[in-house]
Every structure is written in structure tokens, then in C-alpha cells.
Amino acid sequence: MPKEMDVVKRAKVIEWLKTEVLDQVSRLFKAMWEGSTARIGDCLASLMMSSYILGRRLGVSYRELDDLLIDKLRRHRKEGHQLEDWYQDISALEEHMRKR
């Protein structure tokens, strides 16, 4: 495949993944409105999958993305993020990520 065609193909894939992320956010909001726990979980999983793949297409490896997330969680926990203060969500997710 000529280099120009590969660049176009990569750009199209990135644009498609961006629309997937938006579509999944929209589906998530609808599932939340309907109160469907199964659909909420499915939408969140799809959103995470699309985000990871979009990151990879943009040059961020899965491992790097995991490490960046752990660093962000650590910073939020140390800074006293409201979700940490109220529910300990930040430290719970950080622990989950570290055990994987």
C-alpha cells in the first residue's frame, strides 16, 4: 500500500474511533436514563475498549495508558479528590489497576 494511502487509512480509523467514543457516551446516557444495569455495563466496556484502541492509534500503548491512569489516580488520591474523600473510589480503582 502506498504511504499516502496508509496515512489516509490511519486518519479515517482515528476519526471512526472518535465517533465510536461519542456514540458509546450517548448510549451510556440513554442506558442510565432507562436504568438498565446490563446496558450500562456494556456501554462502559465499549467506551473503555474504544478509548484504549484510540489511544493506541494515537501512539499511546496499552501499558502506557494503564501507567498514566495509575499515576493520575495516585495524584488524585494524594490531592484529596472529592470521590476519594466521600467513597474511596480513587484508591479502590488504583488498587484494582495494580492487581491486574
Protein backbone atom coordinates (compact mmCIF):
# COMPACT_ATOMS: atom_id res chain seq x y z
CA MET A 1 0.00 0.00 0.00
CA PRO A 2 1.42 3.41 -0.92
CA LYS A 3 2.42 5.57 2.05
CA GLU A 4 -0.20 8.22 1.21
CA MET A 5 -2.98 5.63 1.30
CA ASP A 6 -1.77 4.35 4.67
CA VAL A 7 -1.86 7.88 6.13
CA VAL A 8 -5.40 8.36 4.85
CA LYS A 9 -6.46 4.99 6.22
CA ARG A 10 -4.97 5.80 9.64
CA ALA A 11 -6.72 9.17 9.72
CA LYS A 12 -10.04 7.54 8.82
CA VAL A 13 -9.63 4.95 11.57
CA ILE A 14 -8.91 7.68 14.14
CA GLU A 15 -11.98 9.65 13.03
CA TRP A 16 -14.10 6.49 13.19
CA LEU A 17 -12.83 5.71 16.71
CA LYS A 18 -13.65 9.25 17.83
CA THR A 19 -17.23 8.76 16.66
CA GLU A 20 -17.32 5.40 18.47
CA VAL A 21 -16.36 7.11 21.73
CA LEU A 22 -19.09 9.70 21.28
CA ASP A 23 -21.63 7.04 20.31
CA GLN A 24 -20.84 4.99 23.40
CA VAL A 25 -21.17 8.04 25.66
CA SER A 26 -24.59 8.70 24.09
CA ARG A 27 -25.63 5.06 24.55
CA LEU A 28 -24.41 5.17 28.15
CA PHE A 29 -26.54 8.21 28.91
CA LYS A 30 -29.59 6.52 27.40
CA ALA A 31 -28.94 3.34 29.39
CA MET A 32 -28.61 5.41 32.57
CA TRP A 33 -31.89 7.15 31.79
CA GLU A 34 -33.57 3.77 31.31
CA GLY A 35 -31.90 2.31 34.41
CA SER A 36 -30.61 -0.74 32.58
CA THR A 37 -27.65 -2.05 34.57
CA ALA A 38 -26.75 -4.58 31.87
CA ARG A 39 -26.71 -1.91 29.15
CA ILE A 40 -24.75 0.48 31.37
CA GLY A 41 -22.05 -2.15 31.86
CA ASP A 42 -21.97 -2.95 28.16
CA CYS A 43 -21.67 0.74 27.22
CA LEU A 44 -18.93 1.35 29.75
CA ALA A 45 -16.98 -1.67 28.48
CA SER A 46 -17.37 -0.48 24.89
CA LEU A 47 -16.30 3.03 25.87
CA MET A 48 -13.20 1.70 27.60
CA MET A 49 -12.36 -0.53 24.64
CA SER A 50 -12.73 2.32 22.14
CA SER A 51 -10.65 4.60 24.36
CA TYR A 52 -7.81 2.10 24.65
CA ILE A 53 -7.78 1.44 20.91
CA LEU A 54 -7.97 5.16 20.09
CA GLY A 55 -5.02 5.73 22.41
CA ARG A 56 -3.06 3.00 20.64
CA ARG A 57 -3.85 4.51 17.24
CA LEU A 58 -2.60 7.87 18.60
CA GLY A 59 0.68 6.34 19.76
CA VAL A 60 -0.10 5.55 23.41
CA SER A 61 0.46 1.87 24.22
CA TYR A 62 -1.98 -0.03 26.39
CA ARG A 63 0.70 -0.38 29.09
CA GLU A 64 1.50 3.34 28.92
CA LEU A 65 -2.19 4.20 29.22
CA ASP A 66 -2.50 1.92 32.26
CA ASP A 67 0.55 3.58 33.83
CA LEU A 68 -0.81 7.06 33.10
CA LEU A 69 -4.12 6.10 34.70
CA ILE A 70 -2.39 4.77 37.82
CA ASP A 71 -0.32 7.97 38.07
CA LYS A 72 -3.46 10.10 37.72
CA LEU A 73 -5.24 8.04 40.38
CA ARG A 74 -2.27 8.41 42.72
CA ARG A 75 -2.24 12.19 42.23
CA HIS A 76 -6.00 12.48 42.80
CA ARG A 77 -5.77 10.37 45.95
CA LYS A 78 -2.90 12.46 47.34
CA GLU A 79 -4.65 15.73 46.46
CA GLY A 80 -7.79 14.65 48.31
CA HIS A 81 -10.14 14.24 45.35
CA GLN A 82 -13.78 14.50 46.41
CA LEU A 83 -14.62 10.98 45.23
CA GLU A 84 -11.78 9.68 47.37
CA ASP A 85 -12.90 11.65 50.40
CA TRP A 86 -16.51 10.56 50.08
CA TYR A 87 -16.33 7.00 48.75
CA GLN A 88 -12.65 5.93 48.44
CA ASP A 89 -13.31 5.30 44.72
CA ILE A 90 -9.87 6.56 43.69
CA SER A 91 -7.89 4.24 45.96
CA ALA A 92 -10.20 1.31 45.12
CA LEU A 93 -9.60 1.76 41.39
CA GLU A 94 -5.87 2.29 41.95
CA GLU A 95 -5.71 -0.98 43.88
CA HIS A 96 -7.67 -2.78 41.16
CA MET A 97 -5.32 -1.48 38.46
CA ARG A 98 -2.25 -2.53 40.43
CA LYS A 99 -3.57 -6.09 40.94
CA ARG A 100 -4.13 -6.66 37.21
